[in-house]
Every structure is written in structure tokens, then in C-alpha cells.
């Protein structure tokens, strides 16, 4: 079985500023992750910043917290995996 490139191609990270817990931070994610986060926020009826803040809070509770961008990608992957399992 062969593989193909994503329809939007291989695109590098895009840096965006977002306010989390009252302070502004920059996060670099590939556009497909930004799109997935935005959709996840809409599904939950949350602003994007609120969803990112919730994921950040979970990240900080971990024994060895990853950086925020990695935590966001991991959370999105787990969400997609769990959605496929349902």
C-alpha cells in the first residue's frame, strides 16, 4: 500500500499569539493543527484561548510537562484516535 502527501502539502509551523491565564504567549503549530484546535473549540463551545488554557493546565499537572505545542499536538492526536475508536 502506498502513501500520499497531505492534500495541503507539507507545511511548516505558523506562530500565533494567544492569551492563556491572563498572559500572552506565542505558539508555533502547523496549520492543520490550528484548524483542528479551532474545530475542537467550536465543538466544545469554547473560545480557542479557553481550550488551549485547559490543555495547558492538564500539561502542567504532568510529572514531566512537555512544551505547550507538543502538548497541543498530543492532545489533538489522542482526540482523533479516540474519535476513530468510538
PDB file of N, CA and C in Angstrom:
ATOM      1  N   UNK A   1       0.850  -1.173   0.000  1.00  0.00           N
ATOM      2  CA  UNK A   1       0.000   0.000   0.000  1.00  0.00           C
ATOM      3  C   UNK A   1       0.897   1.239   0.000  1.00  0.00           C
ATOM      4  N   UNK A   2       0.603   2.170  -0.887  1.00  0.00           N
ATOM      5  CA  UNK A   2       1.415   3.382  -0.966  1.00  0.00           C
ATOM      6  C   UNK A   2       0.800   4.490  -0.111  1.00  0.00           C
ATOM      7  N   UNK A   3       1.630   5.444   0.209  1.00  0.00           N
ATOM      8  CA  UNK A   3       1.156   6.596   0.980  1.00  0.00           C
ATOM      9  C   UNK A   3       1.167   7.825   0.082  1.00  0.00           C
ATOM     10  N   UNK A   4       0.426   8.847   0.478  1.00  0.00           N
ATOM     11  CA  UNK A   4       0.393  10.096  -0.275  1.00  0.00           C
ATOM     12  C   UNK A   4       0.627  11.266   0.666  1.00  0.00           C
ATOM     13  N   UNK A   5       1.009  12.368   0.103  1.00  0.00           N
ATOM     14  CA  UNK A   5       1.198  13.592   0.887  1.00  0.00           C
ATOM     15  C   UNK A   5      -0.162  14.137   1.302  1.00  0.00           C
ATOM     16  N   UNK A   6      -0.212  14.895   2.388  1.00  0.00           N
ATOM     17  CA  UNK A   6      -1.475  15.532   2.772  1.00  0.00           C
ATOM     18  C   UNK A   6      -1.957  16.450   1.648  1.00  0.00           C
ATOM     19  N   UNK A   7      -3.286  16.610   1.502  1.00  0.00           N
ATOM     20  CA  UNK A   7      -3.823  17.466   0.433  1.00  0.00           C
ATOM     21  C   UNK A   7      -3.259  18.887   0.451  1.00  0.00           C
ATOM     22  N   UNK A   8      -3.016  19.414   1.651  1.00  0.00           N
ATOM     23  CA  UNK A   8      -2.495  20.783   1.745  1.00  0.00           C
ATOM     24  C   UNK A   8      -0.970  20.821   1.648  1.00  0.00           C
ATOM     25  N   UNK A   9      -0.346  19.665   1.447  1.00  0.00           N
ATOM     26  CA  UNK A   9       1.108  19.582   1.353  1.00  0.00           C
ATOM     27  C   UNK A   9       1.751  19.553   2.728  1.00  0.00           C
ATOM     28  N   UNK A  10       3.044  19.561   2.732  1.00  0.00           N
ATOM     29  CA  UNK A  10       3.796  19.581   3.987  1.00  0.00           C
ATOM     30  C   UNK A  10       4.127  21.033   4.300  1.00  0.00           C
ATOM     31  N   UNK A  11       3.473  21.558   5.307  1.00  0.00           N
ATOM     32  CA  UNK A  11       3.591  22.970   5.654  1.00  0.00           C
ATOM     33  C   UNK A  11       4.191  23.092   7.045  1.00  0.00           C
ATOM     34  N   UNK A  12       5.149  23.972   7.173  1.00  0.00           N
ATOM     35  CA  UNK A  12       5.807  24.182   8.457  1.00  0.00           C
ATOM     36  C   UNK A  12       4.937  24.950   9.438  1.00  0.00           C
ATOM     37  N   UNK A  13       5.419  25.072  10.668  1.00  0.00           N
ATOM     38  CA  UNK A  13       4.650  25.737  11.720  1.00  0.00           C
ATOM     39  C   UNK A  13       4.399  27.213  11.441  1.00  0.00           C
ATOM     40  N   UNK A  14       3.260  27.662  11.975  1.00  0.00           N
ATOM     41  CA  UNK A  14       2.866  29.067  11.923  1.00  0.00           C
ATOM     42  C   UNK A  14       2.769  29.548  13.364  1.00  0.00           C
ATOM     43  N   UNK A  15       3.430  30.648  13.657  1.00  0.00           N
ATOM     44  CA  UNK A  15       3.417  31.191  15.021  1.00  0.00           C
ATOM     45  C   UNK A  15       2.213  32.100  15.199  1.00  0.00           C
ATOM     46  N   UNK A  16       1.479  31.868  16.287  1.00  0.00           N
ATOM     47  CA  UNK A  16       0.341  32.722  16.634  1.00  0.00           C
ATOM     48  C   UNK A  16       0.447  33.102  18.102  1.00  0.00           C
ATOM     49  N   UNK A  17      -0.042  34.290  18.419  1.00  0.00           N
ATOM     50  CA  UNK A  17      -0.086  34.737  19.808  1.00  0.00           C
ATOM     51  C   UNK A  17      -1.468  34.449  20.368  1.00  0.00           C
ATOM     52  N   UNK A  18      -1.493  34.008  21.615  1.00  0.00           N
ATOM     53  CA  UNK A  18      -2.749  33.676  22.267  1.00  0.00           C
ATOM     54  C   UNK A  18      -2.616  34.026  23.749  1.00  0.00           C
ATOM     55  N   UNK A  19      -3.718  34.419  24.359  1.00  0.00           N
ATOM     56  CA  UNK A  19      -3.700  34.756  25.780  1.00  0.00           C
ATOM     57  C   UNK A  19      -4.183  33.557  26.583  1.00  0.00           C
ATOM     58  N   UNK A  20      -3.345  33.129  27.528  1.00  0.00           N
ATOM     59  CA  UNK A  20      -3.669  32.000  28.397  1.00  0.00           C
ATOM     60  C   UNK A  20      -3.491  32.466  29.837  1.00  0.00           C
ATOM     61  N   UNK A  21      -4.528  32.278  30.625  1.00  0.00           N
ATOM     62  CA  UNK A  21      -4.480  32.647  32.043  1.00  0.00           C
ATOM     63  C   UNK A  21      -3.962  34.065  32.240  1.00  0.00           C
ATOM     64  N   UNK A  22      -4.414  34.970  31.390  1.00  0.00           N
ATOM     65  CA  UNK A  22      -4.084  36.378  31.557  1.00  0.00           C
ATOM     66  C   UNK A  22      -2.750  36.810  30.994  1.00  0.00           C
ATOM     67  N   UNK A  23      -1.970  35.897  30.431  1.00  0.00           N
ATOM     68  CA  UNK A  23      -0.714  36.338  29.826  1.00  0.00           C
ATOM     69  C   UNK A  23      -0.622  35.854  28.383  1.00  0.00           C
ATOM     70  N   UNK A  24       0.033  36.653  27.563  1.00  0.00           N
ATOM     71  CA  UNK A  24       0.144  36.338  26.148  1.00  0.00           C
ATOM     72  C   UNK A  24       1.343  35.435  25.913  1.00  0.00           C
ATOM     73  N   UNK A  25       1.161  34.447  25.054  1.00  0.00           N
ATOM     74  CA  UNK A  25       2.234  33.541  24.685  1.00  0.00           C
ATOM     75  C   UNK A  25       2.157  33.259  23.197  1.00  0.00           C
ATOM     76  N   UNK A  26       3.262  32.880  22.618  1.00  0.00           N
ATOM     77  CA  UNK A  26       3.305  32.519  21.204  1.00  0.00           C
ATOM     78  C   UNK A  26       3.418  31.006  21.095  1.00  0.00           C
ATOM     79  N   UNK A  27       2.675  30.456  20.161  1.00  0.00           N
ATOM     80  CA  UNK A  27       2.683  29.015  19.931  1.00  0.00           C
ATOM     81  C   UNK A  27       2.898  28.795  18.447  1.00  0.00           C
ATOM     82  N   UNK A  28       3.795  27.880  18.112  1.00  0.00           N
ATOM     83  CA  UNK A  28       4.044  27.521  16.722  1.00  0.00           C
ATOM     84  C   UNK A  28       3.485  26.136  16.450  1.00  0.00           C
ATOM     85  N   UNK A  29       2.505  26.070  15.561  1.00  0.00           N
ATOM     86  CA  UNK A  29       1.893  24.813  15.149  1.00  0.00           C
ATOM     87  C   UNK A  29       1.690  24.826  13.638  1.00  0.00           C
ATOM     88  N   UNK A  30       1.679  23.658  13.045  1.00  0.00           N
ATOM     89  CA  UNK A  30       1.358  23.534  11.643  1.00  0.00           C
ATOM     90  C   UNK A  30      -0.110  23.929  11.447  1.00  0.00           C
ATOM     91  N   UNK A  31      -0.441  24.494  10.269  1.00  0.00           N
ATOM     92  CA  UNK A  31      -1.812  24.950  10.024  1.00  0.00           C
ATOM     93  C   UNK A  31      -2.885  23.882  10.273  1.00  0.00           C
ATOM     94  N   UNK A  32      -2.585  22.618   9.958  1.00  0.00           N
ATOM     95  CA  UNK A  32      -3.617  21.601  10.177  1.00  0.00           C
ATOM     96  C   UNK A  32      -3.926  21.428  11.665  1.00  0.00           C
ATOM     97  N   UNK A  33      -2.936  21.665  12.536  1.00  0.00           N
ATOM     98  CA  UNK A  33      -3.197  21.596  13.971  1.00  0.00           C
ATOM     99  C   UNK A  33      -3.992  22.810  14.440  1.00  0.00           C
ATOM    100  N   UNK A  34      -3.700  23.996  13.886  1.00  0.00           N
ATOM    101  CA  UNK A  34      -4.503  25.176  14.234  1.00  0.00           C
ATOM    102  C   UNK A  34      -5.951  24.957  13.843  1.00  0.00           C
ATOM    103  N   UNK A  35      -6.174  24.409  12.653  1.00  0.00           N
ATOM    104  CA  UNK A  35      -7.539  24.146  12.187  1.00  0.00           C
ATOM    105  C   UNK A  35      -8.237  23.145  13.093  1.00  0.00           C
ATOM    106  N   UNK A  36      -7.537  22.083  13.463  1.00  0.00           N
ATOM    107  CA  UNK A  36      -8.125  21.062  14.341  1.00  0.00           C
ATOM    108  C   UNK A  36      -8.448  21.642  15.719  1.00  0.00           C
ATOM    109  N   UNK A  37      -7.573  22.488  16.251  1.00  0.00           N
ATOM    110  CA  UNK A  37      -7.845  23.124  17.550  1.00  0.00           C
ATOM    111  C   UNK A  37      -9.066  24.034  17.466  1.00  0.00           C
ATOM    112  N   UNK A  38      -9.149  24.813  16.398  1.00  0.00           N
ATOM    113  CA  UNK A  38     -10.295  25.706  16.226  1.00  0.00           C
ATOM    114  C   UNK A  38     -11.603  24.913  16.160  1.00  0.00           C
ATOM    115  N   UNK A  39     -11.593  23.805  15.429  1.00  0.00           N
ATOM    116  CA  UNK A  39     -12.791  22.961  15.337  1.00  0.00           C
ATOM    117  C   UNK A  39     -13.131  22.347  16.689  1.00  0.00           C
ATOM    118  N   UNK A  40     -12.125  21.889  17.424  1.00  0.00           N
ATOM    119  CA  UNK A  40     -12.356  21.302  18.748  1.00  0.00           C
ATOM    120  C   UNK A  40     -12.956  22.340  19.691  1.00  0.00           C
ATOM    121  N   UNK A  41     -12.500  23.582  19.594  1.00  0.00           N
ATOM    122  CA  UNK A  41     -13.037  24.649  20.442  1.00  0.00           C
ATOM    123  C   UNK A  41     -14.504  24.912  20.101  1.00  0.00           C
ATOM    124  N   UNK A  42     -14.823  24.954  18.818  1.00  0.00           N
ATOM    125  CA  UNK A  42     -16.209  25.184  18.387  1.00  0.00           C
ATOM    126  C   UNK A  42     -17.114  24.063  18.894  1.00  0.00           C
ATOM    127  N   UNK A  43     -16.676  22.819  18.740  1.00  0.00           N
ATOM    128  CA  UNK A  43     -17.471  21.664  19.198  1.00  0.00           C
ATOM    129  C   UNK A  43     -17.772  21.782  20.691  1.00  0.00           C
ATOM    130  N   UNK A  44     -16.821  22.291  21.447  1.00  0.00           N
ATOM    131  CA  UNK A  44     -16.986  22.415  22.906  1.00  0.00           C
ATOM    132  C   UNK A  44     -17.625  23.736  23.313  1.00  0.00           C
ATOM    133  N   UNK A  45     -17.894  24.601  22.345  1.00  0.00           N
ATOM    134  CA  UNK A  45     -18.493  25.896  22.647  1.00  0.00           C
ATOM    135  C   UNK A  45     -17.561  26.812  23.422  1.00  0.00           C
ATOM    136  N   UNK A  46     -16.269  26.709  23.125  1.00  0.00           N
ATOM    137  CA  UNK A  46     -15.259  27.494  23.830  1.00  0.00           C
ATOM    138  C   UNK A  46     -14.501  28.390  22.865  1.00  0.00           C
ATOM    139  N   UNK A  47     -14.012  29.512  23.365  1.00  0.00           N
ATOM    140  CA  UNK A  47     -13.047  30.260  22.565  1.00  0.00           C
ATOM    141  C   UNK A  47     -11.760  29.430  22.454  1.00  0.00           C
ATOM    142  N   UNK A  48     -11.016  29.631  21.396  1.00  0.00           N
ATOM    143  CA  UNK A  48      -9.770  28.900  21.208  1.00  0.00           C
ATOM    144  C   UNK A  48      -8.849  29.057  22.409  1.00  0.00           C
ATOM    145  N   UNK A  49      -8.747  30.269  22.928  1.00  0.00           N
ATOM    146  CA  UNK A  49      -7.848  30.517  24.065  1.00  0.00           C
ATOM    147  C   UNK A  49      -8.267  29.713  25.297  1.00  0.00           C
ATOM    148  N   UNK A  50      -9.562  29.512  25.496  1.00  0.00           N
ATOM    149  CA  UNK A  50     -10.031  28.743  26.651  1.00  0.00           C
ATOM    150  C   UNK A  50      -9.671  27.263  26.504  1.00  0.00           C
ATOM    151  N   UNK A  51      -9.821  26.726  25.298  1.00  0.00           N
ATOM    152  CA  UNK A  51      -9.437  25.328  25.083  1.00  0.00           C
ATOM    153  C   UNK A  51      -7.940  25.148  25.294  1.00  0.00           C
ATOM    154  N   UNK A  52      -7.151  26.045  24.731  1.00  0.00           N
ATOM    155  CA  UNK A  52      -5.695  25.961  24.906  1.00  0.00           C
ATOM    156  C   UNK A  52      -5.337  26.078  26.388  1.00  0.00           C
ATOM    157  N   UNK A  53      -6.013  26.941  27.112  1.00  0.00           N
ATOM    158  CA  UNK A  53      -5.747  27.086  28.551  1.00  0.00           C
ATOM    159  C   UNK A  53      -6.059  25.800  29.300  1.00  0.00           C
ATOM    160  N   UNK A  54      -7.143  25.113  28.927  1.00  0.00           N
ATOM    161  CA  UNK A  54      -7.487  23.847  29.586  1.00  0.00           C
ATOM    162  C   UNK A  54      -6.429  22.780  29.305  1.00  0.00           C
ATOM    163  N   UNK A  55      -5.983  22.707  28.062  1.00  0.00           N
ATOM    164  CA  UNK A  55      -4.943  21.735  27.714  1.00  0.00           C
ATOM    165  C   UNK A  55      -3.645  22.097  28.435  1.00  0.00           C
ATOM    166  N   UNK A  56      -3.340  23.386  28.521  1.00  0.00           N
ATOM    167  CA  UNK A  56      -2.143  23.842  29.224  1.00  0.00           C
ATOM    168  C   UNK A  56      -2.196  23.450  30.698  1.00  0.00           C
ATOM    169  N   UNK A  57      -3.362  23.591  31.315  1.00  0.00           N
ATOM    170  CA  UNK A  57      -3.494  23.211  32.727  1.00  0.00           C
ATOM    171  C   UNK A  57      -3.241  21.715  32.917  1.00  0.00           C
ATOM    172  N   UNK A  58      -3.758  20.900  32.008  1.00  0.00           N
ATOM    173  CA  UNK A  58      -3.501  19.449  32.075  1.00  0.00           C
ATOM    174  C   UNK A  58      -2.016  19.154  31.882  1.00  0.00           C
ATOM    175  N   UNK A  59      -1.395  19.877  30.965  1.00  0.00           N
ATOM    176  CA  UNK A  59       0.033  19.697  30.685  1.00  0.00           C
ATOM    177  C   UNK A  59       0.871  19.984  31.917  1.00  0.00           C
ATOM    178  N   UNK A  60       0.553  21.075  32.591  1.00  0.00           N
ATOM    179  CA  UNK A  60       1.327  21.495  33.767  1.00  0.00           C
ATOM    180  C   UNK A  60       1.230  20.476  34.900  1.00  0.00           C
ATOM    181  N   UNK A  61       0.103  19.752  34.978  1.00  0.00           N
ATOM    182  CA  UNK A  61      -0.089  18.743  36.030  1.00  0.00           C
ATOM    183  C   UNK A  61       0.752  17.485  35.810  1.00  0.00           C
ATOM    184  N   UNK A  62       1.267  17.296  34.605  1.00  0.00           N
ATOM    185  CA  UNK A  62       2.036  16.086  34.288  1.00  0.00           C
ATOM    186  C   UNK A  62       3.336  16.044  35.080  1.00  0.00           C
ATOM    187  N   UNK A  63       3.834  14.834  35.305  1.00  0.00           N
ATOM    188  CA  UNK A  63       5.094  14.666  36.036  1.00  0.00           C
ATOM    189  C   UNK A  63       6.262  15.342  35.330  1.00  0.00           C
ATOM    190  N   UNK A  64       6.295  15.224  34.015  1.00  0.00           N
ATOM    191  CA  UNK A  64       7.348  15.850  33.218  1.00  0.00           C
ATOM    192  C   UNK A  64       6.674  16.594  32.064  1.00  0.00           C
ATOM    193  N   UNK A  65       6.194  17.815  32.318  1.00  0.00           N
ATOM    194  CA  UNK A  65       5.433  18.538  31.300  1.00  0.00           C
ATOM    195  C   UNK A  65       6.212  18.775  30.004  1.00  0.00           C
ATOM    196  N   UNK A  66       5.570  18.467  28.911  1.00  0.00           N
ATOM    197  CA  UNK A  66       6.123  18.766  27.586  1.00  0.00           C
ATOM    198  C   UNK A  66       5.906  20.255  27.315  1.00  0.00           C
ATOM    199  N   UNK A  67       6.514  20.761  26.251  1.00  0.00           N
ATOM    200  CA  UNK A  67       6.223  22.154  25.912  1.00  0.00           C
ATOM    201  C   UNK A  67       4.779  22.229  25.408  1.00  0.00           C
ATOM    202  N   UNK A  68       4.239  23.427  25.378  1.00  0.00           N
ATOM    203  CA  UNK A  68       2.822  23.601  25.066  1.00  0.00           C
ATOM    204  C   UNK A  68       2.472  23.122  23.662  1.00  0.00           C
ATOM    205  N   UNK A  69       3.293  23.426  22.674  1.00  0.00           N
ATOM    206  CA  UNK A  69       2.992  22.992  21.307  1.00  0.00           C
ATOM    207  C   UNK A  69       2.925  21.469  21.225  1.00  0.00           C
ATOM    208  N   UNK A  70       3.846  20.788  21.879  1.00  0.00           N
ATOM    209  CA  UNK A  70       3.826  19.320  21.888  1.00  0.00           C
ATOM    210  C   UNK A  70       2.590  18.802  22.600  1.00  0.00           C
ATOM    211  N   UNK A  71       2.216  19.447  23.692  1.00  0.00           N
ATOM    212  CA  UNK A  71       1.019  19.028  24.432  1.00  0.00           C
ATOM    213  C   UNK A  71      -0.232  19.201  23.565  1.00  0.00           C
ATOM    214  N   UNK A  72      -0.310  20.288  22.825  1.00  0.00           N
ATOM    215  CA  UNK A  72      -1.466  20.515  21.953  1.00  0.00           C
ATOM    216  C   UNK A  72      -1.534  19.453  20.856  1.00  0.00           C
ATOM    217  N   UNK A  73      -0.401  19.164  20.238  1.00  0.00           N
ATOM    218  CA  UNK A  73      -0.387  18.131  19.189  1.00  0.00           C
ATOM    219  C   UNK A  73      -0.777  16.773  19.768  1.00  0.00           C
ATOM    220  N   UNK A  74      -0.227  16.442  20.926  1.00  0.00           N
ATOM    221  CA  UNK A  74      -0.536  15.151  21.563  1.00  0.00           C
ATOM    222  C   UNK A  74      -2.010  15.051  21.920  1.00  0.00           C
ATOM    223  N   UNK A  75      -2.571  16.139  22.461  1.00  0.00           N
ATOM    224  CA  UNK A  75      -3.990  16.139  22.819  1.00  0.00           C
ATOM    225  C   UNK A  75      -4.855  15.952  21.580  1.00  0.00           C
ATOM    226  N   UNK A  76      -4.521  16.660  20.507  1.00  0.00           N
ATOM    227  CA  UNK A  76      -5.287  16.533  19.266  1.00  0.00           C
ATOM    228  C   UNK A  76      -5.187  15.124  18.688  1.00  0.00           C
ATOM    229  N   UNK A  77      -3.999  14.541  18.736  1.00  0.00           N
ATOM    230  CA  UNK A  77      -3.838  13.181  18.231  1.00  0.00           C
ATOM    231  C   UNK A  77      -4.679  12.210  19.049  1.00  0.00           C
ATOM    232  N   UNK A  78      -4.650  12.345  20.366  1.00  0.00           N
ATOM    233  CA  UNK A  78      -5.443  11.475  21.240  1.00  0.00           C
ATOM    234  C   UNK A  78      -6.933  11.653  20.970  1.00  0.00           C
ATOM    235  N   UNK A  79      -7.374  12.889  20.762  1.00  0.00           N
ATOM    236  CA  UNK A  79      -8.769  13.143  20.434  1.00  0.00           C
ATOM    237  C   UNK A  79      -9.168  12.457  19.131  1.00  0.00           C
ATOM    238  N   UNK A  80      -8.319  12.551  18.125  1.00  0.00           N
ATOM    239  CA  UNK A  80      -8.604  11.931  16.826  1.00  0.00           C
ATOM    240  C   UNK A  80      -8.611  10.415  16.965  1.00  0.00           C
ATOM    241  N   UNK A  81      -7.658   9.876  17.689  1.00  0.00           N
ATOM    242  CA  UNK A  81      -7.584   8.433  17.912  1.00  0.00           C
ATOM    243  C   UNK A  81      -8.825   7.936  18.644  1.00  0.00           C
ATOM    244  N   UNK A  82      -9.226   8.658  19.686  1.00  0.00           N
ATOM    245  CA  UNK A  82     -10.405   8.253  20.460  1.00  0.00           C
ATOM    246  C   UNK A  82     -11.670   8.364  19.621  1.00  0.00           C
ATOM    247  N   UNK A  83     -11.727   9.369  18.751  1.00  0.00           N
ATOM    248  CA  UNK A  83     -12.893   9.542  17.880  1.00  0.00           C
ATOM    249  C   UNK A  83     -13.015   8.361  16.910  1.00  0.00           C
ATOM    250  N   UNK A  84     -11.902   7.913  16.389  1.00  0.00           N
ATOM    251  CA  UNK A  84     -11.904   6.769  15.462  1.00  0.00           C
ATOM    252  C   UNK A  84     -12.313   5.497  16.197  1.00  0.00           C
ATOM    253  N   UNK A  85     -11.913   5.375  17.457  1.00  0.00           N
ATOM    254  CA  UNK A  85     -12.242   4.182  18.245  1.00  0.00           C
ATOM    255  C   UNK A  85     -13.734   4.080  18.578  1.00  0.00           C
ATOM    256  N   UNK A  86     -14.410   5.231  18.632  1.00  0.00           N
ATOM    257  CA  UNK A  86     -15.829   5.232  19.010  1.00  0.00           C
ATOM    258  C   UNK A  86     -16.713   4.696  17.953  1.00  0.00           C
TER     259      UNK A  86
END
